[in-house]
């Protein structure tokens, strides 16, 4: 899977203001910014992203996805 394919999958299920991905095709590191993360704890945010990938996590199409998730306000404070 390419970074663009993974971004498209995430964006199809989650309204994102920003996605940055690095990886080797199986192991990925993502920074994701979404207003949908408002009021959610980090584990709920990660579960929300995993839900966009569906069975791709179970079939090893995406072997590992490490994430940093932010609301738009949190992201702005990081910059």
Protein backbone atom coordinates (compact mmCIF):
# COMPACT_ATOMS: atom_id res chain seq x y z
CA UNK A 1 0.00 0.00 0.00
CA UNK A 2 1.26 3.48 -0.83
CA UNK A 3 1.06 6.55 1.39
CA UNK A 4 -1.47 8.11 -0.97
CA UNK A 5 -3.70 5.02 -0.82
CA UNK A 6 -3.57 5.01 2.97
CA UNK A 7 -4.35 8.74 3.13
CA UNK A 8 -7.32 8.23 0.80
CA UNK A 9 -8.69 5.43 3.00
CA UNK A 10 -8.42 7.52 6.15
CA UNK A 11 -9.91 10.61 4.47
CA UNK A 12 -12.82 8.56 3.12
CA UNK A 13 -13.94 7.73 6.65
CA UNK A 14 -12.71 10.71 8.65
CA UNK A 15 -12.84 14.44 7.88
CA UNK A 16 -9.18 15.47 8.22
CA UNK A 17 -7.60 18.88 8.07
CA UNK A 18 -4.10 17.41 7.86
CA UNK A 19 -2.52 13.98 7.36
CA UNK A 20 1.21 13.34 7.20
CA UNK A 21 2.45 9.77 6.65
CA UNK A 22 5.84 8.13 6.67
CA UNK A 23 6.46 4.45 6.23
CA UNK A 24 7.70 1.52 4.22
CA UNK A 25 4.41 0.17 2.87
CA UNK A 26 3.58 -1.97 5.91
CA UNK A 27 4.73 0.05 8.92
CA UNK A 28 3.35 3.58 9.07
CA UNK A 29 3.75 6.68 11.24
CA UNK A 30 0.90 9.17 10.91
CA UNK A 31 0.06 12.64 12.16
CA UNK A 32 -3.68 13.23 11.80
CA UNK A 33 -5.63 16.41 12.55
CA UNK A 34 -9.42 16.24 12.69
CA UNK A 35 -12.21 18.22 14.35
CA UNK A 36 -13.89 14.84 14.91
CA UNK A 37 -11.32 14.22 17.68
CA UNK A 38 -12.81 16.98 19.86
CA UNK A 39 -13.63 15.64 23.32
CA UNK A 40 -12.12 12.20 22.62
CA UNK A 41 -9.36 10.52 24.57
CA UNK A 42 -6.33 9.32 22.59
CA UNK A 43 -7.48 5.68 22.52
CA UNK A 44 -10.87 6.67 21.07
CA UNK A 45 -9.12 8.77 18.42
CA UNK A 46 -6.93 5.83 17.41
CA UNK A 47 -9.93 3.49 17.32
CA UNK A 48 -11.70 6.00 15.07
CA UNK A 49 -8.78 5.95 12.61
CA UNK A 50 -8.51 2.14 12.74
CA UNK A 51 -12.22 1.95 11.91
CA UNK A 52 -11.53 3.78 8.63
CA UNK A 53 -9.13 0.99 7.64
CA UNK A 54 -11.55 -1.83 8.37
CA UNK A 55 -10.24 -5.28 7.54
CA UNK A 56 -6.97 -3.96 6.15
CA UNK A 57 -5.51 -4.09 9.66
CA UNK A 58 -6.56 -7.73 10.13
CA UNK A 59 -5.36 -8.89 6.71
CA UNK A 60 -1.90 -7.39 7.24
CA UNK A 61 -2.33 -5.00 4.32
CA UNK A 62 -1.39 -2.36 6.89
CA UNK A 63 0.79 -4.18 9.41
CA UNK A 64 1.32 -1.33 11.87
CA UNK A 65 0.09 2.24 12.21
CA UNK A 66 1.55 4.49 14.87
CA UNK A 67 -0.34 7.76 15.27
CA UNK A 68 -0.23 11.21 16.74
CA UNK A 69 -3.76 12.63 16.68
CA UNK A 70 -4.73 16.25 17.23
CA UNK A 71 -7.77 18.49 17.16
CA UNK A 72 -7.29 21.63 15.05
CA UNK A 73 -6.73 23.69 18.24
CA UNK A 74 -4.15 21.21 19.56
CA UNK A 75 -2.39 21.23 16.18
CA UNK A 76 -2.30 25.02 16.08
CA UNK A 77 -0.75 25.04 19.57
CA UNK A 78 1.97 22.63 18.33
CA UNK A 79 3.08 25.01 15.59
